[in-house]
C-alpha cells in the first residue's frame, strides 16, 4: 500500500498538467507531499482492517465513517467538491460519481484478501459508498484486481488480458501514444487504463511511477494507482519507501504499520 502513497506524493507537484511530460524530474522535492489520494487510501485501509470477516453492512458503515473521520482530519488535502459535501453529511449517501477517487483509494483491498472474487467484492464496497456509478465501481475493481494479480505471481501479459477481458479497458495504446493528447481528467475511465498502461510499460517501481507522471493530467492519482500495482509486482526500494514515510504524519504511518503487519501475518 505504501506504493500508492509514494506514487501520490511523487506525482503531486505535477498535477494539473504542471509537469513537462517527461520522466526526467526530481523523484522527491520540497513540494512532494501527500494529498487526498493518500488520506483516503489510509481511511479505506483502516476500515477494512477493522472489519475483516464482518458483514457487508458493517464494512460499508465502517468505510463511510472512516472516510469522513480522515477527511475531516485533513480537510485541505485536495478533495473534489461533491466529495467535500459528502464528508460533512450526517447520513452520507453515494452520489453516482465515476471520478477516479474510487480507484485511487482501493489498494488495501488488493492486498488483504486471499482470492480475487473476494478482492473484487470488497473493492465494490469501497467504491459504492460514494462512487455508485458503474464506471466508478469498475475503476476500483480493476485497480484492486491488478494489485491482487501482481502480488500473486501473474505476469504482465496475464494482468493485461484479465483487465481487458473482465473490464473492457483499452490497454492496446502505448504511453507514447497516450501522452501527447492526454490532459487533466478525473474520471475512472480516463485514468485507470492509463495508470495500468504505465505499470505495464515500466521496468521497475521507480520507472512505473516516472512513466505515470510523464503522462501529465491528474498525475498524482495516475501515479498513485500505477505505484500501487508496481509495488505488488516489483516491491518498492527501501530508500524510496523511507523517503515517503519521512513525509507522512504519525497517524498515517500508524495505520500503514498496522496494515503491513496484517498483510504479512494474515
C-alpha atoms as a PDB file:
ATOM      1  CA  UNK A   1       0.000   0.000   0.000  1.00  0.00           C
ATOM      2  CA  UNK A   2       2.927   2.341   0.506  1.00  0.00           C
ATOM      3  CA  UNK A   3       3.348   2.199  -3.268  1.00  0.00           C
ATOM      4  CA  UNK A   4       0.090   4.111  -3.604  1.00  0.00           C
ATOM      5  CA  UNK A   5       1.139   6.733  -1.057  1.00  0.00           C
ATOM      6  CA  UNK A   6       4.551   7.094  -2.673  1.00  0.00           C
ATOM      7  CA  UNK A   7       3.069   7.468  -6.141  1.00  0.00           C
ATOM      8  CA  UNK A   8       0.674  10.111  -4.863  1.00  0.00           C
ATOM      9  CA  UNK A   9       3.490  12.028  -3.215  1.00  0.00           C
ATOM     10  CA  UNK A  10       5.791  11.887  -6.238  1.00  0.00           C
ATOM     11  CA  UNK A  11       3.060  12.925  -8.663  1.00  0.00           C
ATOM     12  CA  UNK A  12       1.569  15.705  -6.534  1.00  0.00           C
ATOM     13  CA  UNK A  13       3.870  18.573  -7.637  1.00  0.00           C
ATOM     14  CA  UNK A  14       2.971  17.929 -11.287  1.00  0.00           C
ATOM     15  CA  UNK A  15      -0.812  17.612 -11.000  1.00  0.00           C
ATOM     16  CA  UNK A  16      -2.996  19.841 -13.207  1.00  0.00           C
ATOM     17  CA  UNK A  17      -0.525  19.484 -16.088  1.00  0.00           C
ATOM     18  CA  UNK A  18       2.211  21.326 -14.203  1.00  0.00           C
ATOM     19  CA  UNK A  19       4.912  18.953 -15.448  1.00  0.00           C
ATOM     20  CA  UNK A  20       6.545  18.846 -18.851  1.00  0.00           C
ATOM     21  CA  UNK A  21       5.562  15.271 -19.736  1.00  0.00           C
ATOM     22  CA  UNK A  22       8.982  13.792 -19.172  1.00  0.00           C
ATOM     23  CA  UNK A  23      10.323  11.012 -16.982  1.00  0.00           C
ATOM     24  CA  UNK A  24      13.268  13.222 -16.061  1.00  0.00           C
ATOM     25  CA  UNK A  25      12.284  15.048 -12.864  1.00  0.00           C
ATOM     26  CA  UNK A  26      13.324  15.001  -9.180  1.00  0.00           C
ATOM     27  CA  UNK A  27      11.709  11.975  -7.591  1.00  0.00           C
ATOM     28  CA  UNK A  28      11.138  13.932  -4.388  1.00  0.00           C
ATOM     29  CA  UNK A  29      11.210  17.680  -3.943  1.00  0.00           C
ATOM     30  CA  UNK A  30      10.142  20.126  -1.261  1.00  0.00           C
ATOM     31  CA  UNK A  31       6.677  20.087  -2.841  1.00  0.00           C
ATOM     32  CA  UNK A  32       6.338  16.308  -2.674  1.00  0.00           C
ATOM     33  CA  UNK A  33       3.616  15.741  -0.098  1.00  0.00           C
ATOM     34  CA  UNK A  34       0.599  13.535   0.368  1.00  0.00           C
ATOM     35  CA  UNK A  35      -2.816  14.521  -0.956  1.00  0.00           C
ATOM     36  CA  UNK A  36      -6.388  13.278  -0.696  1.00  0.00           C
ATOM     37  CA  UNK A  37      -5.306  10.117  -2.521  1.00  0.00           C
ATOM     38  CA  UNK A  38      -3.190   9.074   0.452  1.00  0.00           C
ATOM     39  CA  UNK A  39      -5.668  10.212   3.098  1.00  0.00           C
ATOM     40  CA  UNK A  40      -8.473   8.169   1.557  1.00  0.00           C
ATOM     41  CA  UNK A  41      -6.188   5.183   0.957  1.00  0.00           C
ATOM     42  CA  UNK A  42      -5.453   5.174   4.678  1.00  0.00           C
ATOM     43  CA  UNK A  43      -9.127   5.663   5.548  1.00  0.00           C
ATOM     44  CA  UNK A  44     -10.165   2.660   3.458  1.00  0.00           C
ATOM     45  CA  UNK A  45      -7.340   0.528   4.838  1.00  0.00           C
ATOM     46  CA  UNK A  46      -8.301   1.309   8.429  1.00  0.00           C
ATOM     47  CA  UNK A  47     -11.949   0.454   7.781  1.00  0.00           C
ATOM     48  CA  UNK A  48     -11.077  -2.844   6.116  1.00  0.00           C
ATOM     49  CA  UNK A  49      -8.690  -3.785   8.902  1.00  0.00           C
ATOM     50  CA  UNK A  50     -11.369  -3.023  11.479  1.00  0.00           C
ATOM     51  CA  UNK A  51     -13.975  -5.189   9.746  1.00  0.00           C
ATOM     52  CA  UNK A  52     -12.115  -8.235   8.430  1.00  0.00           C
ATOM     53  CA  UNK A  53     -14.555 -11.129   8.269  1.00  0.00           C
ATOM     54  CA  UNK A  54     -17.598  -8.998   9.014  1.00  0.00           C
ATOM     55  CA  UNK A  55     -20.784  -8.403   7.026  1.00  0.00           C
ATOM     56  CA  UNK A  56     -21.055  -6.138   4.010  1.00  0.00           C
ATOM     57  CA  UNK A  57     -23.281  -3.843   6.038  1.00  0.00           C
ATOM     58  CA  UNK A  58     -20.625  -3.453   8.744  1.00  0.00           C
ATOM     59  CA  UNK A  59     -17.872  -2.934   6.189  1.00  0.00           C
ATOM     60  CA  UNK A  60     -19.835  -0.273   4.332  1.00  0.00           C
ATOM     61  CA  UNK A  61     -20.679   1.578   7.545  1.00  0.00           C
ATOM     62  CA  UNK A  62     -17.047   1.460   8.653  1.00  0.00           C
ATOM     63  CA  UNK A  63     -15.865   2.743   5.278  1.00  0.00           C
ATOM     64  CA  UNK A  64     -18.155   5.766   5.386  1.00  0.00           C
ATOM     65  CA  UNK A  65     -17.248   6.538   8.994  1.00  0.00           C
ATOM     66  CA  UNK A  66     -13.512   6.177   8.416  1.00  0.00           C
ATOM     67  CA  UNK A  67     -13.535   8.255   5.263  1.00  0.00           C
ATOM     68  CA  UNK A  68     -15.454  11.019   6.996  1.00  0.00           C
ATOM     69  CA  UNK A  69     -13.142  10.896  10.008  1.00  0.00           C
ATOM     70  CA  UNK A  70      -9.939  11.098   7.994  1.00  0.00           C
ATOM     71  CA  UNK A  71     -11.330  13.590   5.504  1.00  0.00           C
ATOM     72  CA  UNK A  72     -12.351  15.962   8.259  1.00  0.00           C
ATOM     73  CA  UNK A  73      -8.987  15.482   9.935  1.00  0.00           C
ATOM     74  CA  UNK A  74      -7.206  16.558   6.733  1.00  0.00           C
ATOM     75  CA  UNK A  75      -9.741  18.931   5.154  1.00  0.00           C
ATOM     76  CA  UNK A  76      -7.275  20.664   2.840  1.00  0.00           C
ATOM     77  CA  UNK A  77      -5.868  17.565   1.117  1.00  0.00           C
ATOM     78  CA  UNK A  78      -7.467  18.391  -2.237  1.00  0.00           C
ATOM     79  CA  UNK A  79     -10.872  16.714  -2.395  1.00  0.00           C
ATOM     80  CA  UNK A  80     -13.410  17.308  -5.136  1.00  0.00           C
ATOM     81  CA  UNK A  81     -16.434  19.473  -4.442  1.00  0.00           C
ATOM     82  CA  UNK A  82     -19.039  16.701  -4.300  1.00  0.00           C
ATOM     83  CA  UNK A  83     -16.848  14.611  -2.027  1.00  0.00           C
ATOM     84  CA  UNK A  84     -16.301  17.546   0.334  1.00  0.00           C
ATOM     85  CA  UNK A  85     -20.042  17.892   0.718  1.00  0.00           C
ATOM     86  CA  UNK A  86     -20.316  14.149   1.349  1.00  0.00           C
ATOM     87  CA  UNK A  87     -17.644  14.360   4.062  1.00  0.00           C
ATOM     88  CA  UNK A  88     -19.827  16.598   6.199  1.00  0.00           C
ATOM     89  CA  UNK A  89     -23.198  14.928   5.744  1.00  0.00           C
ATOM     90  CA  UNK A  90     -24.790  13.368   8.823  1.00  0.00           C
ATOM     91  CA  UNK A  91     -26.129  10.437   6.839  1.00  0.00           C
ATOM     92  CA  UNK A  92     -23.841  10.231   3.813  1.00  0.00           C
ATOM     93  CA  UNK A  93     -25.200   8.580   0.693  1.00  0.00           C
ATOM     94  CA  UNK A  94     -23.494   7.611  -2.569  1.00  0.00           C
ATOM     95  CA  UNK A  95     -23.847  10.211  -5.270  1.00  0.00           C
ATOM     96  CA  UNK A  96     -23.263   8.374  -8.511  1.00  0.00           C
ATOM     97  CA  UNK A  97     -19.695   9.508  -9.098  1.00  0.00           C
ATOM     98  CA  UNK A  98     -17.435   7.952 -11.719  1.00  0.00           C
ATOM     99  CA  UNK A  99     -14.444  10.009 -10.622  1.00  0.00           C
ATOM    100  CA  UNK A 100     -11.066   8.365 -10.159  1.00  0.00           C
ATOM    101  CA  UNK A 101     -11.255   8.681  -6.368  1.00  0.00           C
ATOM    102  CA  UNK A 102     -12.669   5.167  -6.102  1.00  0.00           C
ATOM    103  CA  UNK A 103      -9.605   3.680  -7.807  1.00  0.00           C
ATOM    104  CA  UNK A 104      -7.021   5.811  -6.016  1.00  0.00           C
ATOM    105  CA  UNK A 105      -8.082   4.647  -2.529  1.00  0.00           C
ATOM    106  CA  UNK A 106      -8.646   0.927  -3.134  1.00  0.00           C
ATOM    107  CA  UNK A 107      -5.141  -0.517  -2.875  1.00  0.00           C
ATOM    108  CA  UNK A 108      -5.557  -2.193   0.531  1.00  0.00           C
ATOM    109  CA  UNK A 109      -8.353  -4.331  -0.911  1.00  0.00           C
ATOM    110  CA  UNK A 110      -5.857  -5.748  -3.392  1.00  0.00           C
ATOM    111  CA  UNK A 111      -3.647  -6.994  -0.556  1.00  0.00           C
ATOM    112  CA  UNK A 112      -5.873  -8.159   2.280  1.00  0.00           C
ATOM    113  CA  UNK A 113      -7.872 -10.999   0.731  1.00  0.00           C
ATOM    114  CA  UNK A 114      -6.928 -14.453  -0.457  1.00  0.00           C
ATOM    115  CA  UNK A 115      -8.903 -14.788  -3.683  1.00  0.00           C
ATOM    116  CA  UNK A 116      -9.788 -12.450  -6.497  1.00  0.00           C
ATOM    117  CA  UNK A 117     -13.536 -12.874  -6.058  1.00  0.00           C
ATOM    118  CA  UNK A 118     -13.380 -11.509  -2.508  1.00  0.00           C
ATOM    119  CA  UNK A 119     -10.939  -8.833  -3.592  1.00  0.00           C
ATOM    120  CA  UNK A 120     -13.339  -7.617  -6.266  1.00  0.00           C
ATOM    121  CA  UNK A 121     -16.327  -7.776  -3.941  1.00  0.00           C
ATOM    122  CA  UNK A 122     -14.591  -5.669  -1.297  1.00  0.00           C
ATOM    123  CA  UNK A 123     -13.395  -3.242  -3.968  1.00  0.00           C
ATOM    124  CA  UNK A 124     -17.016  -2.726  -4.989  1.00  0.00           C
ATOM    125  CA  UNK A 125     -17.922  -1.921  -1.383  1.00  0.00           C
ATOM    126  CA  UNK A 126     -15.087   0.612  -1.067  1.00  0.00           C
ATOM    127  CA  UNK A 127     -16.310   2.391  -4.190  1.00  0.00           C
ATOM    128  CA  UNK A 128     -20.041   2.211  -3.603  1.00  0.00           C
ATOM    129  CA  UNK A 129     -20.178   4.400  -0.500  1.00  0.00           C
ATOM    130  CA  UNK A 130     -19.607   7.368  -2.811  1.00  0.00           C
ATOM    131  CA  UNK A 131     -18.865   6.241  -6.374  1.00  0.00           C
ATOM    132  CA  UNK A 132     -22.008   4.257  -7.159  1.00  0.00           C
ATOM    133  CA  UNK A 133     -21.817   4.818 -10.926  1.00  0.00           C
ATOM    134  CA  UNK A 134     -20.857   1.654 -12.820  1.00  0.00           C
ATOM    135  CA  UNK A 135     -17.658   3.288 -14.106  1.00  0.00           C
ATOM    136  CA  UNK A 136     -16.636   4.342 -10.612  1.00  0.00           C
ATOM    137  CA  UNK A 137     -17.163   0.808  -9.365  1.00  0.00           C
ATOM    138  CA  UNK A 138     -15.379  -0.694 -12.357  1.00  0.00           C
ATOM    139  CA  UNK A 139     -12.342   1.504 -11.803  1.00  0.00           C
ATOM    140  CA  UNK A 140     -11.952   0.348  -8.209  1.00  0.00           C
ATOM    141  CA  UNK A 141     -12.467  -3.298  -9.151  1.00  0.00           C
ATOM    142  CA  UNK A 142      -9.923  -3.111 -11.945  1.00  0.00           C
ATOM    143  CA  UNK A 143      -7.258  -1.440  -9.814  1.00  0.00           C
ATOM    144  CA  UNK A 144      -7.723  -3.887  -6.931  1.00  0.00           C
ATOM    145  CA  UNK A 145      -7.702  -6.841  -9.349  1.00  0.00           C
ATOM    146  CA  UNK A 146      -4.441  -5.689 -10.916  1.00  0.00           C
ATOM    147  CA  UNK A 147      -2.840  -5.422  -7.471  1.00  0.00           C
ATOM    148  CA  UNK A 148      -4.086  -8.858  -6.460  1.00  0.00           C
ATOM    149  CA  UNK A 149      -2.827 -10.445  -9.678  1.00  0.00           C
ATOM    150  CA  UNK A 150       0.519  -8.661  -9.432  1.00  0.00           C
ATOM    151  CA  UNK A 151       1.159  -9.798  -5.869  1.00  0.00           C
ATOM    152  CA  UNK A 152       0.126 -13.387  -6.534  1.00  0.00           C
ATOM    153  CA  UNK A 153       2.539 -14.045  -9.372  1.00  0.00           C
ATOM    154  CA  UNK A 154       0.672 -13.200 -12.567  1.00  0.00           C
ATOM    155  CA  UNK A 155       2.732 -11.964 -15.490  1.00  0.00           C
ATOM    156  CA  UNK A 156       2.145  -8.586 -17.031  1.00  0.00           C
ATOM    157  CA  UNK A 157       0.554 -10.234 -20.045  1.00  0.00           C
ATOM    158  CA  UNK A 158      -1.808 -12.164 -17.786  1.00  0.00           C
ATOM    159  CA  UNK A 159      -2.712  -8.954 -15.947  1.00  0.00           C
ATOM    160  CA  UNK A 160      -3.282  -7.137 -19.236  1.00  0.00           C
ATOM    161  CA  UNK A 161      -5.534  -9.906 -20.524  1.00  0.00           C
ATOM    162  CA  UNK A 162      -7.542 -10.152 -17.308  1.00  0.00           C
ATOM    163  CA  UNK A 163      -8.189  -6.421 -17.100  1.00  0.00           C
ATOM    164  CA  UNK A 164      -9.113  -6.224 -20.777  1.00  0.00           C
ATOM    165  CA  UNK A 165     -11.393  -9.270 -20.706  1.00  0.00           C
ATOM    166  CA  UNK A 166     -13.111  -8.502 -17.388  1.00  0.00           C
ATOM    167  CA  UNK A 167     -13.428  -4.726 -17.548  1.00  0.00           C
ATOM    168  CA  UNK A 168     -13.182  -3.827 -21.216  1.00  0.00           C
ATOM    169  CA  UNK A 169     -10.444  -1.249 -20.794  1.00  0.00           C
ATOM    170  CA  UNK A 170      -8.338  -0.493 -23.857  1.00  0.00           C
ATOM    171  CA  UNK A 171      -4.771  -1.362 -22.923  1.00  0.00           C
ATOM    172  CA  UNK A 172      -3.528  -1.511 -26.503  1.00  0.00           C
ATOM    173  CA  UNK A 173      -2.131   2.038 -26.612  1.00  0.00           C
ATOM    174  CA  UNK A 174       1.444   2.781 -25.632  1.00  0.00           C
ATOM    175  CA  UNK A 175       2.326   5.617 -23.285  1.00  0.00           C
ATOM    176  CA  UNK A 176       3.944   7.398 -26.223  1.00  0.00           C
ATOM    177  CA  UNK A 177       0.576   7.273 -27.967  1.00  0.00           C
ATOM    178  CA  UNK A 178      -1.339   8.424 -24.886  1.00  0.00           C
ATOM    179  CA  UNK A 179       0.998  11.223 -23.791  1.00  0.00           C
ATOM    180  CA  UNK A 180       0.629  13.931 -26.495  1.00  0.00           C
ATOM    181  CA  UNK A 181      -3.120  14.490 -26.133  1.00  0.00           C
ATOM    182  CA  UNK A 182      -3.603  13.405 -22.539  1.00  0.00           C
ATOM    183  CA  UNK A 183      -4.837  16.132 -20.212  1.00  0.00           C
ATOM    184  CA  UNK A 184      -6.182  16.649 -16.713  1.00  0.00           C
ATOM    185  CA  UNK A 185      -9.242  14.463 -16.357  1.00  0.00           C
ATOM    186  CA  UNK A 186     -10.618  12.950 -13.176  1.00  0.00           C
ATOM    187  CA  UNK A 187     -12.775  10.070 -14.388  1.00  0.00           C
ATOM    188  CA  UNK A 188     -12.041   6.408 -13.811  1.00  0.00           C
ATOM    189  CA  UNK A 189     -12.489   5.592 -17.476  1.00  0.00           C
ATOM    190  CA  UNK A 190      -9.755   8.056 -18.466  1.00  0.00           C
ATOM    191  CA  UNK A 191      -7.399   7.386 -15.574  1.00  0.00           C
ATOM    192  CA  UNK A 192      -7.390   3.694 -14.683  1.00  0.00           C
ATOM    193  CA  UNK A 193      -6.448   2.358 -18.144  1.00  0.00           C
ATOM    194  CA  UNK A 194      -3.648   4.916 -18.426  1.00  0.00           C
ATOM    195  CA  UNK A 195      -2.322   4.062 -14.962  1.00  0.00           C
ATOM    196  CA  UNK A 196      -2.346   0.349 -15.744  1.00  0.00           C
ATOM    197  CA  UNK A 197      -0.606   1.019 -19.061  1.00  0.00           C
ATOM    198  CA  UNK A 198       2.137   2.925 -17.212  1.00  0.00           C
ATOM    199  CA  UNK A 199       2.578  -0.097 -14.950  1.00  0.00           C
ATOM    200  CA  UNK A 200       2.707  -2.472 -17.909  1.00  0.00           C
ATOM    201  CA  UNK A 201       5.404  -0.403 -19.614  1.00  0.00           C
ATOM    202  CA  UNK A 202       7.531   0.401 -16.571  1.00  0.00           C
ATOM    203  CA  UNK A 203      10.688  -1.588 -15.857  1.00  0.00           C
ATOM    204  CA  UNK A 204      10.715  -1.321 -12.061  1.00  0.00           C
ATOM    205  CA  UNK A 205       8.844   0.552  -9.332  1.00  0.00           C
ATOM    206  CA  UNK A 206      10.537   3.887  -9.916  1.00  0.00           C
ATOM    207  CA  UNK A 207      10.214   3.652 -13.689  1.00  0.00           C
ATOM    208  CA  UNK A 208       6.492   2.879 -13.411  1.00  0.00           C
ATOM    209  CA  UNK A 209       5.896   5.981 -11.296  1.00  0.00           C
ATOM    210  CA  UNK A 210       8.022   8.167 -13.561  1.00  0.00           C
ATOM    211  CA  UNK A 211       6.138   6.845 -16.578  1.00  0.00           C
ATOM    212  CA  UNK A 212       2.781   7.624 -14.960  1.00  0.00           C
ATOM    213  CA  UNK A 213       3.837  11.156 -14.047  1.00  0.00           C
ATOM    214  CA  UNK A 214       5.133  11.721 -17.568  1.00  0.00           C
ATOM    215  CA  UNK A 215       1.630  11.275 -18.974  1.00  0.00           C
ATOM    216  CA  UNK A 216       0.545  14.517 -17.302  1.00  0.00           C
ATOM    217  CA  UNK A 217      -3.018  15.280 -16.286  1.00  0.00           C
ATOM    218  CA  UNK A 218      -4.168  14.158 -12.842  1.00  0.00           C
ATOM    219  CA  UNK A 219      -0.785  12.574 -12.354  1.00  0.00           C
ATOM    220  CA  UNK A 220      -0.815  12.228  -8.573  1.00  0.00           C
ATOM    221  CA  UNK A 221      -3.769   9.867  -8.970  1.00  0.00           C
ATOM    222  CA  UNK A 222      -2.262   8.205 -12.037  1.00  0.00           C
ATOM    223  CA  UNK A 223       0.967   7.539 -10.164  1.00  0.00           C
ATOM    224  CA  UNK A 224      -0.915   6.532  -7.014  1.00  0.00           C
ATOM    225  CA  UNK A 225      -2.743   3.784  -8.915  1.00  0.00           C
ATOM    226  CA  UNK A 226       0.266   2.781 -11.001  1.00  0.00           C
ATOM    227  CA  UNK A 227       2.502   2.801  -7.921  1.00  0.00           C
ATOM    228  CA  UNK A 228       0.120   0.570  -6.008  1.00  0.00           C
ATOM    229  CA  UNK A 229       0.280  -2.063  -8.755  1.00  0.00           C
ATOM    230  CA  UNK A 230       4.034  -1.655  -9.207  1.00  0.00           C
ATOM    231  CA  UNK A 231       4.677  -2.277  -5.512  1.00  0.00           C
ATOM    232  CA  UNK A 232       2.693  -5.511  -5.727  1.00  0.00           C
ATOM    233  CA  UNK A 233       4.661  -6.641  -8.792  1.00  0.00           C
ATOM    234  CA  UNK A 234       8.182  -5.374  -8.098  1.00  0.00           C
ATOM    235  CA  UNK A 235       8.263  -4.383  -4.454  1.00  0.00           C
ATOM    236  CA  UNK A 236       9.435  -0.911  -3.535  1.00  0.00           C
ATOM    237  CA  UNK A 237      13.056   0.099  -2.927  1.00  0.00           C
ATOM    238  CA  UNK A 238      13.783   0.668   0.752  1.00  0.00           C
ATOM    239  CA  UNK A 239      15.178   4.147   0.196  1.00  0.00           C
ATOM    240  CA  UNK A 240      12.073   5.283  -1.700  1.00  0.00           C
ATOM    241  CA  UNK A 241       9.721   3.867   0.919  1.00  0.00           C
ATOM    242  CA  UNK A 242      11.773   5.504   3.677  1.00  0.00           C
ATOM    243  CA  UNK A 243      11.634   8.898   1.969  1.00  0.00           C
ATOM    244  CA  UNK A 244       7.871   8.595   1.648  1.00  0.00           C
ATOM    245  CA  UNK A 245       7.456   7.655   5.313  1.00  0.00           C
ATOM    246  CA  UNK A 246       9.537  10.651   6.389  1.00  0.00           C
ATOM    247  CA  UNK A 247       6.967  12.929   4.805  1.00  0.00           C
ATOM    248  CA  UNK A 248       3.931  11.322   6.440  1.00  0.00           C
ATOM    249  CA  UNK A 249       2.420  12.229   9.829  1.00  0.00           C
ATOM    250  CA  UNK A 250       2.453   9.678  12.630  1.00  0.00           C
ATOM    251  CA  UNK A 251      -1.256   8.892  12.478  1.00  0.00           C
ATOM    252  CA  UNK A 252      -0.928   7.821   8.847  1.00  0.00           C
ATOM    253  CA  UNK A 253       2.215   5.763   9.417  1.00  0.00           C
ATOM    254  CA  UNK A 254       0.492   4.049  12.354  1.00  0.00           C
ATOM    255  CA  UNK A 255      -2.229   2.730  10.023  1.00  0.00           C
ATOM    256  CA  UNK A 256       0.398   1.821   7.453  1.00  0.00           C
ATOM    257  CA  UNK A 257       2.297  -0.195  10.066  1.00  0.00           C
ATOM    258  CA  UNK A 258      -0.870  -1.949  11.173  1.00  0.00           C
ATOM    259  CA  UNK A 259      -1.695  -2.770   7.567  1.00  0.00           C
ATOM    260  CA  UNK A 260       1.786  -4.167   6.935  1.00  0.00           C
ATOM    261  CA  UNK A 261       1.547  -6.377   9.997  1.00  0.00           C
ATOM    262  CA  UNK A 262      -1.792  -7.793   8.832  1.00  0.00           C
ATOM    263  CA  UNK A 263      -0.571  -8.215   5.269  1.00  0.00           C
ATOM    264  CA  UNK A 264       2.497 -10.134   6.392  1.00  0.00           C
ATOM    265  CA  UNK A 265       0.727 -12.206   9.053  1.00  0.00           C
ATOM    266  CA  UNK A 266      -2.870 -12.746   7.954  1.00  0.00           C
END
